Amino acid sequence: MTRSWDWATGEGLLGLDDLGEWDAAFERGERNLGTAAIGLAFNCPLEDASPRIVRATQLPDTDQRGFAFTAVGTAARLNGALTPELYEVLRAADRGRRSIAVNASAT
């Protein structure tokens, strides 16, 4: 089955389960990488998704960084814990970003 992700609109990215596709999109500077990080949190093992979610929390686009922190919360909710790198991101984040991750993990 061929999967299609629309990086320009974000359509289908919550279903992203291809780590290589995320890496290639990051290298190309695609939009909606934070949205796609949520997809990775839903669809990939935490250890594999974690470095990409960390990168997404450092994106220049404020909205996409917010989605990346939602991905952190999603990963916490689904896995019951985070990787040391994701805990470090939360410790370094401002209070507003931490609350996004906490709210996502509580739902």
C-alpha atoms as a PDB file:
ATOM      1  CA  MET A   1       0.000   0.000   0.000  1.00  0.00           C
ATOM      2  CA  THR A   2       1.415   3.362  -1.019  1.00  0.00           C
ATOM      3  CA  ARG A   3       0.985   6.118   1.508  1.00  0.00           C
ATOM      4  CA  SER A   4       0.742   9.753   0.654  1.00  0.00           C
ATOM      5  CA  TRP A   5       1.583  12.651   2.889  1.00  0.00           C
ATOM      6  CA  ASP A   6       0.966  16.226   1.884  1.00  0.00           C
ATOM      7  CA  TRP A   7       3.698  18.264   3.504  1.00  0.00           C
ATOM      8  CA  ALA A   8       2.265  21.551   2.217  1.00  0.00           C
ATOM      9  CA  THR A   9      -1.180  21.118   3.804  1.00  0.00           C
ATOM     10  CA  GLY A  10      -0.363  18.583   6.534  1.00  0.00           C
ATOM     11  CA  GLU A  11      -2.963  16.154   5.221  1.00  0.00           C
ATOM     12  CA  GLY A  12      -2.238  12.577   6.249  1.00  0.00           C
ATOM     13  CA  LEU A  13       0.727  13.457   8.464  1.00  0.00           C
ATOM     14  CA  LEU A  14      -0.928  12.236  11.666  1.00  0.00           C
ATOM     15  CA  GLY A  15      -0.673   8.780  10.098  1.00  0.00           C
ATOM     16  CA  LEU A  16       3.041   9.113   9.347  1.00  0.00           C
ATOM     17  CA  ASP A  17       4.883   5.941  10.264  1.00  0.00           C
ATOM     18  CA  ASP A  18       7.935   6.293   8.021  1.00  0.00           C
ATOM     19  CA  LEU A  19      10.979   7.580   9.899  1.00  0.00           C
ATOM     20  CA  GLY A  20      12.972   7.957   6.690  1.00  0.00           C
ATOM     21  CA  GLU A  21      10.224  10.092   5.175  1.00  0.00           C
ATOM     22  CA  TRP A  22      10.315  12.415   8.216  1.00  0.00           C
ATOM     23  CA  ASP A  23      14.117  12.638   7.996  1.00  0.00           C
ATOM     24  CA  ALA A  24      13.991  13.456   4.288  1.00  0.00           C
ATOM     25  CA  ALA A  25      11.271  16.066   4.857  1.00  0.00           C
ATOM     26  CA  PHE A  26      13.355  17.641   7.623  1.00  0.00           C
ATOM     27  CA  GLU A  27      16.360  17.851   5.299  1.00  0.00           C
ATOM     28  CA  ARG A  28      14.182  19.449   2.600  1.00  0.00           C
ATOM     29  CA  GLY A  29      12.850  21.977   5.123  1.00  0.00           C
ATOM     30  CA  GLU A  30       9.244  20.913   4.641  1.00  0.00           C
ATOM     31  CA  ARG A  31       6.365  22.504   6.473  1.00  0.00           C
ATOM     32  CA  ASN A  32       4.282  20.674   9.059  1.00  0.00           C
ATOM     33  CA  LEU A  33       7.114  18.701  10.650  1.00  0.00           C
ATOM     34  CA  GLY A  34       5.613  19.255  14.105  1.00  0.00           C
ATOM     35  CA  THR A  35       2.337  17.788  12.900  1.00  0.00           C
ATOM     36  CA  ALA A  36       4.223  14.843  11.449  1.00  0.00           C
ATOM     37  CA  ALA A  37       6.024  14.388  14.790  1.00  0.00           C
ATOM     38  CA  ILE A  38       2.610  13.694  16.344  1.00  0.00           C
ATOM     39  CA  GLY A  39       2.136  11.017  13.693  1.00  0.00           C
ATOM     40  CA  LEU A  40       5.478   9.479  14.624  1.00  0.00           C
ATOM     41  CA  ALA A  41       4.468   9.510  18.300  1.00  0.00           C
ATOM     42  CA  PHE A  42       1.295   7.613  17.416  1.00  0.00           C
ATOM     43  CA  ASN A  43       2.784   5.177  14.933  1.00  0.00           C
ATOM     44  CA  CYS A  44       6.438   4.454  15.735  1.00  0.00           C
ATOM     45  CA  PRO A  45       8.372   3.029  18.675  1.00  0.00           C
ATOM     46  CA  LEU A  46       9.267   5.786  21.135  1.00  0.00           C
ATOM     47  CA  GLU A  47      13.013   5.161  20.856  1.00  0.00           C
ATOM     48  CA  ASP A  48      12.827   5.721  17.091  1.00  0.00           C
ATOM     49  CA  ALA A  49      10.468   8.697  17.169  1.00  0.00           C
ATOM     50  CA  SER A  50      12.191  10.482  20.052  1.00  0.00           C
ATOM     51  CA  PRO A  51      15.142  12.065  18.188  1.00  0.00           C
ATOM     52  CA  ARG A  52      12.795  13.380  15.525  1.00  0.00           C
ATOM     53  CA  ILE A  53      10.379  14.803  18.090  1.00  0.00           C
ATOM     54  CA  VAL A  54      13.336  16.496  19.797  1.00  0.00           C
ATOM     55  CA  ARG A  55      14.310  18.100  16.468  1.00  0.00           C
ATOM     56  CA  ALA A  56      10.729  19.193  15.904  1.00  0.00           C
ATOM     57  CA  THR A  57      10.708  21.026  19.259  1.00  0.00           C
ATOM     58  CA  GLN A  58      13.461  23.230  17.832  1.00  0.00           C
ATOM     59  CA  LEU A  59      11.715  24.175  14.591  1.00  0.00           C
ATOM     60  CA  PRO A  60      11.662  27.892  13.741  1.00  0.00           C
ATOM     61  CA  ASP A  61       7.876  27.947  13.206  1.00  0.00           C
ATOM     62  CA  THR A  62       6.096  28.631  16.523  1.00  0.00           C
ATOM     63  CA  ASP A  63       2.983  26.652  15.611  1.00  0.00           C
ATOM     64  CA  GLN A  64       4.966  23.628  14.502  1.00  0.00           C
ATOM     65  CA  ARG A  65       7.024  23.754  17.714  1.00  0.00           C
ATOM     66  CA  GLY A  66       3.712  23.697  19.597  1.00  0.00           C
ATOM     67  CA  PHE A  67       2.663  20.589  17.696  1.00  0.00           C
ATOM     68  CA  ALA A  68       6.023  19.031  18.529  1.00  0.00           C
ATOM     69  CA  PHE A  69       5.317  19.530  22.232  1.00  0.00           C
ATOM     70  CA  THR A  70       1.921  17.951  21.667  1.00  0.00           C
ATOM     71  CA  ALA A  71       3.861  15.014  20.206  1.00  0.00           C
ATOM     72  CA  VAL A  72       5.874  14.842  23.450  1.00  0.00           C
ATOM     73  CA  GLY A  73       2.646  14.643  25.446  1.00  0.00           C
ATOM     74  CA  THR A  74       1.215  12.074  23.075  1.00  0.00           C
ATOM     75  CA  ALA A  75       4.334   9.940  23.424  1.00  0.00           C
ATOM     76  CA  ALA A  76       4.088  10.178  27.219  1.00  0.00           C
ATOM     77  CA  ARG A  77       0.434   9.176  27.198  1.00  0.00           C
ATOM     78  CA  LEU A  78       0.962   6.229  24.873  1.00  0.00           C
ATOM     79  CA  ASN A  79       4.166   4.930  26.463  1.00  0.00           C
ATOM     80  CA  GLY A  80       3.763   5.887  30.101  1.00  0.00           C
ATOM     81  CA  ALA A  81       7.236   7.442  30.047  1.00  0.00           C
ATOM     82  CA  LEU A  82       9.605   9.379  27.813  1.00  0.00           C
ATOM     83  CA  THR A  83      13.181   8.998  26.673  1.00  0.00           C
ATOM     84  CA  PRO A  84      15.866  10.915  28.593  1.00  0.00           C
ATOM     85  CA  GLU A  85      16.181  13.289  25.614  1.00  0.00           C
ATOM     86  CA  LEU A  86      12.483  14.153  25.684  1.00  0.00           C
ATOM     87  CA  TYR A  87      12.573  14.707  29.451  1.00  0.00           C
ATOM     88  CA  GLU A  88      15.512  17.066  28.861  1.00  0.00           C
ATOM     89  CA  VAL A  89      13.518  18.981  26.236  1.00  0.00           C
ATOM     90  CA  LEU A  90      10.709  19.434  28.748  1.00  0.00           C
ATOM     91  CA  ARG A  91      13.082  20.592  31.474  1.00  0.00           C
ATOM     92  CA  ALA A  92      14.565  23.180  29.101  1.00  0.00           C
ATOM     93  CA  ALA A  93      11.208  24.363  27.714  1.00  0.00           C
ATOM     94  CA  ASP A  94       9.367  27.416  28.898  1.00  0.00           C
ATOM     95  CA  ARG A  95       6.353  26.894  31.107  1.00  0.00           C
ATOM     96  CA  GLY A  96       3.845  27.297  28.258  1.00  0.00           C
ATOM     97  CA  ARG A  97       5.465  24.569  26.182  1.00  0.00           C
ATOM     98  CA  ARG A  98       5.624  22.208  29.138  1.00  0.00           C
ATOM     99  CA  SER A  99       1.924  22.737  29.766  1.00  0.00           C
ATOM    100  CA  ILE A 100       1.135  21.746  26.151  1.00  0.00           C
ATOM    101  CA  ALA A 101       2.937  18.445  26.693  1.00  0.00           C
ATOM    102  CA  VAL A 102       1.320  17.888  30.101  1.00  0.00           C
ATOM    103  CA  ASN A 103      -2.161  18.616  28.729  1.00  0.00           C
ATOM    104  CA  ALA A 104      -1.600  16.238  25.814  1.00  0.00           C
ATOM    105  CA  SER A 105      -0.349  13.485  28.120  1.00  0.00           C
ATOM    106  CA  ALA A 106      -3.383  13.852  30.402  1.00  0.00           C
ATOM    107  CA  THR A 107      -5.986  13.342  27.659  1.00  0.00           C
END
